[in-house]
Amino acid sequence: MPRKPIHTSEGEPSFFYLMMAEGCFRRAVEHPAAGGTLREIGRNYLARAVGVTSVLESQPSHSCEGA
């Protein structure tokens, strides 16, 4: 069974990954000793949020025409 992306509409970044990134950035401020690692994890989540959008935009759109 194909997995559906956590995504509301084409052209928008994944809300799930944006929320995960935000949590990492918040914790980086609260825990300075682990700040660098948490920021890196947050950056990875941001890249995934944009990556979901890029993958969806590169797929051909399915039209209801001809049905």
N, C-alpha and C. Protein backbone atom coordinates (compact mmCIF):
# COMPACT_ATOMS: atom_id res chain seq x y z
N MET A 1 0.84 -1.17 0.00
CA MET A 1 0.00 0.00 0.00
C MET A 1 0.90 1.24 0.00
N PRO A 2 0.73 2.14 -0.96
CA PRO A 2 1.57 3.34 -1.01
C PRO A 2 1.24 4.28 0.15
N ARG A 3 2.27 4.89 0.68
CA ARG A 3 2.07 5.83 1.78
C ARG A 3 1.73 7.19 1.22
N LYS A 4 0.82 7.87 1.88
CA LYS A 4 0.46 9.23 1.48
C LYS A 4 1.34 10.21 2.26
N PRO A 5 1.83 11.25 1.60
CA PRO A 5 2.63 12.23 2.32
C PRO A 5 1.76 13.03 3.28
N ILE A 6 2.36 13.49 4.35
CA ILE A 6 1.66 14.34 5.30
C ILE A 6 1.73 15.74 4.72
N HIS A 7 0.70 16.11 4.01
CA HIS A 7 0.75 17.29 3.17
C HIS A 7 -0.67 17.74 2.87
N THR A 8 -0.95 19.03 2.89
CA THR A 8 -2.31 19.51 2.68
C THR A 8 -2.62 19.77 1.22
N SER A 9 -1.75 20.40 0.49
CA SER A 9 -1.98 20.65 -0.92
C SER A 9 -0.66 20.87 -1.62
N GLU A 10 -0.67 20.70 -2.94
CA GLU A 10 0.58 20.85 -3.69
C GLU A 10 1.12 22.26 -3.54
N GLY A 11 2.43 22.37 -3.47
CA GLY A 11 3.08 23.67 -3.36
C GLY A 11 3.31 24.13 -1.93
N GLU A 12 2.75 23.42 -0.96
CA GLU A 12 2.95 23.78 0.45
C GLU A 12 3.90 22.77 1.08
N PRO A 13 4.78 23.24 1.96
CA PRO A 13 5.66 22.30 2.66
C PRO A 13 4.86 21.41 3.62
N SER A 14 5.41 20.29 3.98
CA SER A 14 4.77 19.37 4.91
C SER A 14 4.67 20.00 6.29
N PHE A 15 3.45 20.11 6.79
CA PHE A 15 3.21 20.71 8.11
C PHE A 15 3.87 19.87 9.21
N PHE A 16 3.81 18.55 9.08
CA PHE A 16 4.40 17.67 10.07
C PHE A 16 5.90 17.94 10.24
N TYR A 17 6.62 17.99 9.13
CA TYR A 17 8.06 18.22 9.22
C TYR A 17 8.38 19.63 9.71
N LEU A 18 7.55 20.60 9.36
CA LEU A 18 7.77 21.97 9.87
C LEU A 18 7.60 22.00 11.39
N MET A 19 6.62 21.29 11.90
CA MET A 19 6.41 21.25 13.35
C MET A 19 7.56 20.52 14.06
N MET A 20 8.06 19.45 13.44
CA MET A 20 9.19 18.74 14.03
C MET A 20 10.43 19.64 14.07
N ALA A 21 10.66 20.39 12.99
CA ALA A 21 11.80 21.31 12.94
C ALA A 21 11.66 22.37 14.02
N GLU A 22 10.46 22.91 14.17
CA GLU A 22 10.23 23.96 15.17
C GLU A 22 10.54 23.45 16.57
N GLY A 23 10.14 22.22 16.86
CA GLY A 23 10.42 21.63 18.16
C GLY A 23 11.92 21.49 18.41
N CYS A 24 12.65 21.10 17.39
CA CYS A 24 14.11 20.95 17.53
C CYS A 24 14.77 22.31 17.78
N PHE A 25 14.34 23.33 17.04
CA PHE A 25 14.93 24.66 17.23
C PHE A 25 14.62 25.21 18.62
N ARG A 26 13.41 24.95 19.11
CA ARG A 26 13.04 25.40 20.46
C ARG A 26 13.91 24.73 21.52
N ARG A 27 14.07 23.40 21.38
CA ARG A 27 14.88 22.67 22.34
C ARG A 27 16.35 23.09 22.28
N ALA A 28 16.81 23.50 21.10
CA ALA A 28 18.20 23.94 20.96
C ALA A 28 18.46 25.17 21.82
N VAL A 29 17.46 26.04 21.94
CA VAL A 29 17.60 27.23 22.78
C VAL A 29 17.56 26.84 24.26
N GLU A 30 16.70 25.89 24.60
CA GLU A 30 16.54 25.47 26.00
C GLU A 30 17.73 24.64 26.50
N HIS A 31 18.41 23.94 25.60
CA HIS A 31 19.51 23.05 25.98
C HIS A 31 20.76 23.40 25.16
N PRO A 32 21.48 24.43 25.60
CA PRO A 32 22.65 24.89 24.83
C PRO A 32 23.70 23.81 24.58
N ALA A 33 23.86 22.86 25.50
CA ALA A 33 24.88 21.82 25.32
C ALA A 33 24.59 20.94 24.11
N ALA A 34 23.32 20.75 23.81
CA ALA A 34 22.92 19.92 22.67
C ALA A 34 22.43 20.77 21.50
N GLY A 35 22.60 22.07 21.60
CA GLY A 35 22.07 23.00 20.60
C GLY A 35 22.49 22.72 19.17
N GLY A 36 23.77 22.44 18.96
CA GLY A 36 24.27 22.19 17.61
C GLY A 36 23.62 20.97 16.97
N THR A 37 23.52 19.91 17.74
CA THR A 37 22.89 18.68 17.22
C THR A 37 21.42 18.90 16.93
N LEU A 38 20.73 19.57 17.85
CA LEU A 38 19.30 19.82 17.65
C LEU A 38 19.04 20.74 16.45
N ARG A 39 19.90 21.72 16.24
CA ARG A 39 19.76 22.59 15.07
C ARG A 39 19.96 21.80 13.78
N GLU A 40 20.93 20.90 13.79
CA GLU A 40 21.17 20.07 12.60
C GLU A 40 19.96 19.18 12.31
N ILE A 41 19.39 18.58 13.33
CA ILE A 41 18.19 17.76 13.15
C ILE A 41 17.05 18.63 12.62
N GLY A 42 16.91 19.83 13.17
CA GLY A 42 15.88 20.76 12.69
C GLY A 42 16.06 21.12 11.23
N ARG A 43 17.31 21.34 10.82
CA ARG A 43 17.58 21.65 9.40
C ARG A 43 17.21 20.47 8.50
N ASN A 44 17.46 19.26 8.99
CA ASN A 44 17.08 18.07 8.21
C ASN A 44 15.57 17.99 8.04
N TYR A 45 14.83 18.30 9.11
CA TYR A 45 13.37 18.31 9.00
C TYR A 45 12.89 19.37 8.02
N LEU A 46 13.52 20.53 8.03
CA LEU A 46 13.14 21.57 7.06
C LEU A 46 13.39 21.10 5.63
N ALA A 47 14.51 20.44 5.42
CA ALA A 47 14.81 19.92 4.08
C ALA A 47 13.77 18.88 3.66
N ARG A 48 13.33 18.05 4.60
CA ARG A 48 12.31 17.06 4.28
C ARG A 48 10.97 17.73 3.96
N ALA A 49 10.65 18.79 4.69
CA ALA A 49 9.39 19.51 4.44
C ALA A 49 9.36 20.03 3.01
N VAL A 50 10.47 20.59 2.57
CA VAL A 50 10.55 21.10 1.20
C VAL A 50 10.65 19.94 0.22
N GLY A 51 11.33 18.86 0.60
CA GLY A 51 11.47 17.70 -0.27
C GLY A 51 10.15 17.05 -0.60
N VAL A 52 9.22 17.01 0.35
CA VAL A 52 7.90 16.45 0.09
C VAL A 52 7.22 17.27 -0.99
N THR A 53 7.35 18.58 -0.91
CA THR A 53 6.76 19.46 -1.92
C THR A 53 7.39 19.22 -3.27
N SER A 54 8.72 19.11 -3.32
CA SER A 54 9.42 18.91 -4.59
C SER A 54 9.02 17.61 -5.26
N VAL A 55 8.88 16.55 -4.49
CA VAL A 55 8.50 15.25 -5.05
C VAL A 55 7.09 15.32 -5.61
N LEU A 56 6.18 15.94 -4.88
CA LEU A 56 4.81 16.02 -5.36
C LEU A 56 4.69 16.88 -6.61
N GLU A 57 5.47 17.95 -6.68
CA GLU A 57 5.40 18.82 -7.85
C GLU A 57 5.98 18.14 -9.09
N SER A 58 6.90 17.19 -8.90
CA SER A 58 7.51 16.53 -10.05
C SER A 58 6.66 15.39 -10.59
N GLN A 59 5.65 14.94 -9.82
CA GLN A 59 4.78 13.88 -10.29
C GLN A 59 3.73 14.45 -11.24
N PRO A 60 3.36 13.67 -12.25
CA PRO A 60 2.33 14.16 -13.18
C PRO A 60 1.00 14.29 -12.45
N SER A 61 0.26 15.33 -12.77
CA SER A 61 -1.04 15.51 -12.12
C SER A 61 -2.05 14.57 -12.74
N HIS A 62 -2.97 14.10 -11.92
CA HIS A 62 -4.02 13.22 -12.39
C HIS A 62 -5.26 14.05 -12.64
N SER A 63 -5.76 13.98 -13.83
CA SER A 63 -6.91 14.77 -14.21
C SER A 63 -8.16 13.92 -14.26
N CYS A 64 -9.30 14.52 -13.98
CA CYS A 64 -10.57 13.82 -14.08
C CYS A 64 -11.16 13.92 -15.47
N GLU A 65 -10.48 14.64 -16.36
CA GLU A 65 -10.97 14.76 -17.72
C GLU A 65 -10.92 13.40 -18.40
N GLY A 66 -11.90 13.12 -19.20
CA GLY A 66 -11.94 11.85 -19.92
C GLY A 66 -12.57 10.74 -19.12
N ALA A 67 -13.01 11.04 -17.91
CA ALA A 67 -13.65 10.02 -17.08
C ALA A 67 -15.13 9.98 -17.35
